[in-house]
Amino acid sequence: MHLLRRVEKFLREHDIPPTRFGREAARDPRLVLDMRRGREPGARMTRRLEHFMNIYAGGQPQ
């Protein structure tokens, strides 16, 4: 699944504002907004976001 799609689903499921997600996952509160505007995170950032989502969700792979 595309990373932005996974992030959007995660935000809805956990009722987290996009700025909070970006700040906690990557120390970048504009991350989700930038992704919505076409920003493509690199491999390292992608792994970091996936790790954050998995840990936050209790370690359940999505």
PDB file of N, CA and C in Angstrom:
ATOM      1  N   MET A   1       0.860  -1.185   0.000  1.00  0.00           N
ATOM      2  CA  MET A   1       0.000   0.000   0.000  1.00  0.00           C
ATOM      3  C   MET A   1       0.900   1.240   0.000  1.00  0.00           C
ATOM      4  N   HIS A   2       0.502   2.231  -0.721  1.00  0.00           N
ATOM      5  CA  HIS A   2       1.241   3.486  -0.791  1.00  0.00           C
ATOM      6  C   HIS A   2       1.379   4.085   0.612  1.00  0.00           C
ATOM      7  N   LEU A   3       2.531   4.663   0.910  1.00  0.00           N
ATOM      8  CA  LEU A   3       2.815   5.176   2.248  1.00  0.00           C
ATOM      9  C   LEU A   3       1.803   6.232   2.688  1.00  0.00           C
ATOM     10  N   LEU A   4       1.487   7.187   1.836  1.00  0.00           N
ATOM     11  CA  LEU A   4       0.540   8.236   2.219  1.00  0.00           C
ATOM     12  C   LEU A   4      -0.816   7.631   2.564  1.00  0.00           C
ATOM     13  N   ARG A   5      -1.236   6.656   1.808  1.00  0.00           N
ATOM     14  CA  ARG A   5      -2.512   5.994   2.075  1.00  0.00           C
ATOM     15  C   ARG A   5      -2.483   5.316   3.448  1.00  0.00           C
ATOM     16  N   ARG A   6      -1.362   4.653   3.765  1.00  0.00           N
ATOM     17  CA  ARG A   6      -1.218   4.006   5.080  1.00  0.00           C
ATOM     18  C   ARG A   6      -1.242   5.045   6.202  1.00  0.00           C
ATOM     19  N   VAL A   7      -0.565   6.163   5.986  1.00  0.00           N
ATOM     20  CA  VAL A   7      -0.526   7.217   7.002  1.00  0.00           C
ATOM     21  C   VAL A   7      -1.925   7.792   7.211  1.00  0.00           C
ATOM     22  N   GLU A   8      -2.639   8.073   6.146  1.00  0.00           N
ATOM     23  CA  GLU A   8      -3.997   8.626   6.258  1.00  0.00           C
ATOM     24  C   GLU A   8      -4.908   7.657   7.017  1.00  0.00           C
ATOM     25  N   LYS A   9      -4.810   6.376   6.708  1.00  0.00           N
ATOM     26  CA  LYS A   9      -5.611   5.363   7.397  1.00  0.00           C
ATOM     27  C   LYS A   9      -5.242   5.322   8.881  1.00  0.00           C
ATOM     28  N   PHE A  10      -3.968   5.376   9.171  1.00  0.00           N
ATOM     29  CA  PHE A  10      -3.484   5.376  10.557  1.00  0.00           C
ATOM     30  C   PHE A  10      -4.036   6.579  11.321  1.00  0.00           C
ATOM     31  N   LEU A  11      -4.003   7.750  10.694  1.00  0.00           N
ATOM     32  CA  LEU A  11      -4.509   8.965  11.341  1.00  0.00           C
ATOM     33  C   LEU A  11      -5.990   8.831  11.676  1.00  0.00           C
ATOM     34  N   ARG A  12      -6.765   8.288  10.740  1.00  0.00           N
ATOM     35  CA  ARG A  12      -8.207   8.099  10.996  1.00  0.00           C
ATOM     36  C   ARG A  12      -8.454   7.076  12.095  1.00  0.00           C
ATOM     37  N   GLU A  13      -7.761   5.954  12.028  1.00  0.00           N
ATOM     38  CA  GLU A  13      -7.987   4.876  12.997  1.00  0.00           C
ATOM     39  C   GLU A  13      -7.607   5.273  14.418  1.00  0.00           C
ATOM     40  N   HIS A  14      -6.582   6.104  14.548  1.00  0.00           N
ATOM     41  CA  HIS A  14      -6.093   6.468  15.877  1.00  0.00           C
ATOM     42  C   HIS A  14      -6.449   7.891  16.278  1.00  0.00           C
ATOM     43  N   ASP A  15      -7.219   8.565  15.432  1.00  0.00           N
ATOM     44  CA  ASP A  15      -7.680   9.923  15.709  1.00  0.00           C
ATOM     45  C   ASP A  15      -6.529  10.850  16.124  1.00  0.00           C
ATOM     46  N   ILE A  16      -5.502  10.870  15.283  1.00  0.00           N
ATOM     47  CA  ILE A  16      -4.320  11.684  15.536  1.00  0.00           C
ATOM     48  C   ILE A  16      -4.262  12.803  14.498  1.00  0.00           C
ATOM     49  N   PRO A  17      -4.054  14.032  14.932  1.00  0.00           N
ATOM     50  CA  PRO A  17      -3.895  15.124  13.969  1.00  0.00           C
ATOM     51  C   PRO A  17      -2.615  14.928  13.156  1.00  0.00           C
ATOM     52  N   PRO A  18      -2.623  15.330  11.898  1.00  0.00           N
ATOM     53  CA  PRO A  18      -1.447  15.145  11.045  1.00  0.00           C
ATOM     54  C   PRO A  18      -0.186  15.806  11.594  1.00  0.00           C
ATOM     55  N   THR A  19      -0.316  16.966  12.214  1.00  0.00           N
ATOM     56  CA  THR A  19       0.871  17.647  12.736  1.00  0.00           C
ATOM     57  C   THR A  19       1.480  16.880  13.904  1.00  0.00           C
ATOM     58  N   ARG A  20       0.632  16.308  14.741  1.00  0.00           N
ATOM     59  CA  ARG A  20       1.143  15.519  15.865  1.00  0.00           C
ATOM     60  C   ARG A  20       1.867  14.276  15.357  1.00  0.00           C
ATOM     61  N   PHE A  21       1.273  13.620  14.369  1.00  0.00           N
ATOM     62  CA  PHE A  21       1.910  12.441  13.786  1.00  0.00           C
ATOM     63  C   PHE A  21       3.295  12.787  13.246  1.00  0.00           C
ATOM     64  N   GLY A  22       3.369  13.828  12.454  1.00  0.00           N
ATOM     65  CA  GLY A  22       4.645  14.226  11.880  1.00  0.00           C
ATOM     66  C   GLY A  22       5.676  14.584  12.928  1.00  0.00           C
ATOM     67  N   ARG A  23       5.247  15.295  13.953  1.00  0.00           N
ATOM     68  CA  ARG A  23       6.153  15.702  15.022  1.00  0.00           C
ATOM     69  C   ARG A  23       6.684  14.485  15.780  1.00  0.00           C
ATOM     70  N   GLU A  24       5.788  13.562  16.135  1.00  0.00           N
ATOM     71  CA  GLU A  24       6.196  12.405  16.925  1.00  0.00           C
ATOM     72  C   GLU A  24       6.958  11.372  16.101  1.00  0.00           C
ATOM     73  N   ALA A  25       6.574  11.194  14.862  1.00  0.00           N
ATOM     74  CA  ALA A  25       7.196  10.162  14.038  1.00  0.00           C
ATOM     75  C   ALA A  25       8.505  10.616  13.406  1.00  0.00           C
ATOM     76  N   ALA A  26       8.600  11.912  13.070  1.00  0.00           N
ATOM     77  CA  ALA A  26       9.761  12.358  12.291  1.00  0.00           C
ATOM     78  C   ALA A  26      10.288  13.725  12.704  1.00  0.00           C
ATOM     79  N   ARG A  27       9.773  14.280  13.785  1.00  0.00           N
ATOM     80  CA  ARG A  27      10.162  15.629  14.224  1.00  0.00           C
ATOM     81  C   ARG A  27       9.926  16.667  13.136  1.00  0.00           C
ATOM     82  N   ASP A  28       8.838  16.461  12.362  1.00  0.00           N
ATOM     83  CA  ASP A  28       8.490  17.365  11.265  1.00  0.00           C
ATOM     84  C   ASP A  28       6.973  17.532  11.223  1.00  0.00           C
ATOM     85  N   PRO A  29       6.447  18.562  11.874  1.00  0.00           N
ATOM     86  CA  PRO A  29       4.985  18.716  11.928  1.00  0.00           C
ATOM     87  C   PRO A  29       4.327  18.938  10.566  1.00  0.00           C
ATOM     88  N   ARG A  30       5.081  19.324   9.557  1.00  0.00           N
ATOM     89  CA  ARG A  30       4.517  19.553   8.223  1.00  0.00           C
ATOM     90  C   ARG A  30       4.616  18.328   7.318  1.00  0.00           C
ATOM     91  N   LEU A  31       5.120  17.237   7.832  1.00  0.00           N
ATOM     92  CA  LEU A  31       5.367  16.049   7.024  1.00  0.00           C
ATOM     93  C   LEU A  31       4.140  15.586   6.246  1.00  0.00           C
ATOM     94  N   VAL A  32       3.009  15.385   6.920  1.00  0.00           N
ATOM     95  CA  VAL A  32       1.820  14.858   6.245  1.00  0.00           C
ATOM     96  C   VAL A  32       1.301  15.868   5.222  1.00  0.00           C
ATOM     97  N   LEU A  33       1.277  17.134   5.569  1.00  0.00           N
ATOM     98  CA  LEU A  33       0.839  18.161   4.616  1.00  0.00           C
ATOM     99  C   LEU A  33       1.726  18.140   3.380  1.00  0.00           C
ATOM    100  N   ASP A  34       3.031  18.060   3.597  1.00  0.00           N
ATOM    101  CA  ASP A  34       3.959  18.008   2.464  1.00  0.00           C
ATOM    102  C   ASP A  34       3.746  16.751   1.623  1.00  0.00           C
ATOM    103  N   MET A  35       3.492  15.630   2.271  1.00  0.00           N
ATOM    104  CA  MET A  35       3.226  14.388   1.536  1.00  0.00           C
ATOM    105  C   MET A  35       1.947  14.521   0.713  1.00  0.00           C
ATOM    106  N   ARG A  36       0.955  15.172   1.272  1.00  0.00           N
ATOM    107  CA  ARG A  36      -0.296  15.389   0.537  1.00  0.00           C
ATOM    108  C   ARG A  36      -0.060  16.257  -0.691  1.00  0.00           C
ATOM    109  N   ARG A  37       0.956  17.089  -0.633  1.00  0.00           N
ATOM    110  CA  ARG A  37       1.293  17.973  -1.752  1.00  0.00           C
ATOM    111  C   ARG A  37       2.340  17.370  -2.685  1.00  0.00           C
ATOM    112  N   GLY A  38       2.676  16.104  -2.473  1.00  0.00           N
ATOM    113  CA  GLY A  38       3.563  15.431  -3.402  1.00  0.00           C
ATOM    114  C   GLY A  38       4.926  15.039  -2.877  1.00  0.00           C
ATOM    115  N   ARG A  39       5.257  15.382  -1.642  1.00  0.00           N
ATOM    116  CA  ARG A  39       6.558  15.004  -1.089  1.00  0.00           C
ATOM    117  C   ARG A  39       6.656  13.484  -1.003  1.00  0.00           C
ATOM    118  N   GLU A  40       7.761  12.946  -1.485  1.00  0.00           N
ATOM    119  CA  GLU A  40       8.007  11.506  -1.436  1.00  0.00           C
ATOM    120  C   GLU A  40       9.151  11.249  -0.460  1.00  0.00           C
ATOM    121  N   PRO A  41       8.853  10.710   0.719  1.00  0.00           N
ATOM    122  CA  PRO A  41       9.930  10.425   1.680  1.00  0.00           C
ATOM    123  C   PRO A  41      10.872   9.357   1.132  1.00  0.00           C
ATOM    124  N   GLY A  42      12.122   9.466   1.526  1.00  0.00           N
ATOM    125  CA  GLY A  42      13.116   8.484   1.125  1.00  0.00           C
ATOM    126  C   GLY A  42      12.923   7.169   1.881  1.00  0.00           C
ATOM    127  N   ALA A  43      13.778   6.209   1.586  1.00  0.00           N
ATOM    128  CA  ALA A  43      13.671   4.880   2.188  1.00  0.00           C
ATOM    129  C   ALA A  43      13.834   4.932   3.704  1.00  0.00           C
ATOM    130  N   ARG A  44      14.785   5.722   4.181  1.00  0.00           N
ATOM    131  CA  ARG A  44      15.017   5.814   5.628  1.00  0.00           C
ATOM    132  C   ARG A  44      13.796   6.401   6.350  1.00  0.00           C
ATOM    133  N   MET A  45      13.238   7.472   5.802  1.00  0.00           N
ATOM    134  CA  MET A  45      12.057   8.094   6.409  1.00  0.00           C
ATOM    135  C   MET A  45      10.870   7.148   6.343  1.00  0.00           C
ATOM    136  N   THR A  46      10.724   6.440   5.247  1.00  0.00           N
ATOM    137  CA  THR A  46       9.632   5.482   5.103  1.00  0.00           C
ATOM    138  C   THR A  46       9.715   4.418   6.196  1.00  0.00           C
ATOM    139  N   ARG A  47      10.911   3.882   6.416  1.00  0.00           N
ATOM    140  CA  ARG A  47      11.089   2.880   7.486  1.00  0.00           C
ATOM    141  C   ARG A  47      10.774   3.477   8.848  1.00  0.00           C
ATOM    142  N   ARG A  48      11.181   4.712   9.051  1.00  0.00           N
ATOM    143  CA  ARG A  48      10.929   5.385  10.332  1.00  0.00           C
ATOM    144  C   ARG A  48       9.420   5.542  10.591  1.00  0.00           C
ATOM    145  N   LEU A  49       8.683   5.966   9.562  1.00  0.00           N
ATOM    146  CA  LEU A  49       7.235   6.145   9.710  1.00  0.00           C
ATOM    147  C   LEU A  49       6.536   4.816   9.921  1.00  0.00           C
ATOM    148  N   GLU A  50       6.933   3.796   9.164  1.00  0.00           N
ATOM    149  CA  GLU A  50       6.327   2.482   9.332  1.00  0.00           C
ATOM    150  C   GLU A  50       6.603   1.927  10.719  1.00  0.00           C
ATOM    151  N   HIS A  51       7.819   2.118  11.201  1.00  0.00           N
ATOM    152  CA  HIS A  51       8.177   1.667  12.551  1.00  0.00           C
ATOM    153  C   HIS A  51       7.298   2.374  13.589  1.00  0.00           C
ATOM    154  N   PHE A  52       7.174   3.684  13.457  1.00  0.00           N
ATOM    155  CA  PHE A  52       6.350   4.450  14.395  1.00  0.00           C
ATOM    156  C   PHE A  52       4.907   3.940  14.404  1.00  0.00           C
ATOM    157  N   MET A  53       4.334   3.744  13.216  1.00  0.00           N
ATOM    158  CA  MET A  53       2.941   3.287  13.137  1.00  0.00           C
ATOM    159  C   MET A  53       2.798   1.896  13.756  1.00  0.00           C
ATOM    160  N   ASN A  54       3.734   1.012  13.506  1.00  0.00           N
ATOM    161  CA  ASN A  54       3.660  -0.337  14.070  1.00  0.00           C
ATOM    162  C   ASN A  54       3.794  -0.324  15.597  1.00  0.00           C
ATOM    163  N   ILE A  55       4.710   0.456  16.116  1.00  0.00           N
ATOM    164  CA  ILE A  55       4.893   0.538  17.568  1.00  0.00           C
ATOM    165  C   ILE A  55       3.674   1.182  18.216  1.00  0.00           C
ATOM    166  N   TYR A  56       3.174   2.264  17.629  1.00  0.00           N
ATOM    167  CA  TYR A  56       2.016   2.976  18.175  1.00  0.00           C
ATOM    168  C   TYR A  56       0.787   2.080  18.200  1.00  0.00           C
ATOM    169  N   ALA A  57       0.640   1.267  17.193  1.00  0.00           N
ATOM    170  CA  ALA A  57      -0.526   0.393  17.091  1.00  0.00           C
ATOM    171  C   ALA A  57      -0.350  -0.882  17.910  1.00  0.00           C
ATOM    172  N   GLY A  58       0.655  -0.931  18.751  1.00  0.00           N
ATOM    173  CA  GLY A  58       0.846  -2.089  19.596  1.00  0.00           C
ATOM    174  C   GLY A  58       1.668  -3.176  18.947  1.00  0.00           C
ATOM    175  N   GLY A  59       2.458  -2.816  17.943  1.00  0.00           N
ATOM    176  CA  GLY A  59       3.320  -3.774  17.284  1.00  0.00           C
ATOM    177  C   GLY A  59       2.622  -4.652  16.257  1.00  0.00           C
ATOM    178  N   GLN A  60       1.368  -4.382  15.966  1.00  0.00           N
ATOM    179  CA  GLN A  60       0.644  -5.169  14.974  1.00  0.00           C
ATOM    180  C   GLN A  60       0.979  -4.671  13.587  1.00  0.00           C
ATOM    181  N   PRO A  61       1.559  -5.523  12.730  1.00  0.00           N
ATOM    182  CA  PRO A  61       1.823  -5.093  11.358  1.00  0.00           C
ATOM    183  C   PRO A  61       0.545  -4.738  10.631  1.00  0.00           C
ATOM    184  N   GLN A  62       0.643  -3.741   9.762  1.00  0.00           N
ATOM    185  CA  GLN A  62      -0.568  -3.296   9.060  1.00  0.00           C
ATOM    186  C   GLN A  62      -0.508  -3.670   7.614  1.00  0.00           C
TER     187      GLN A  62
END
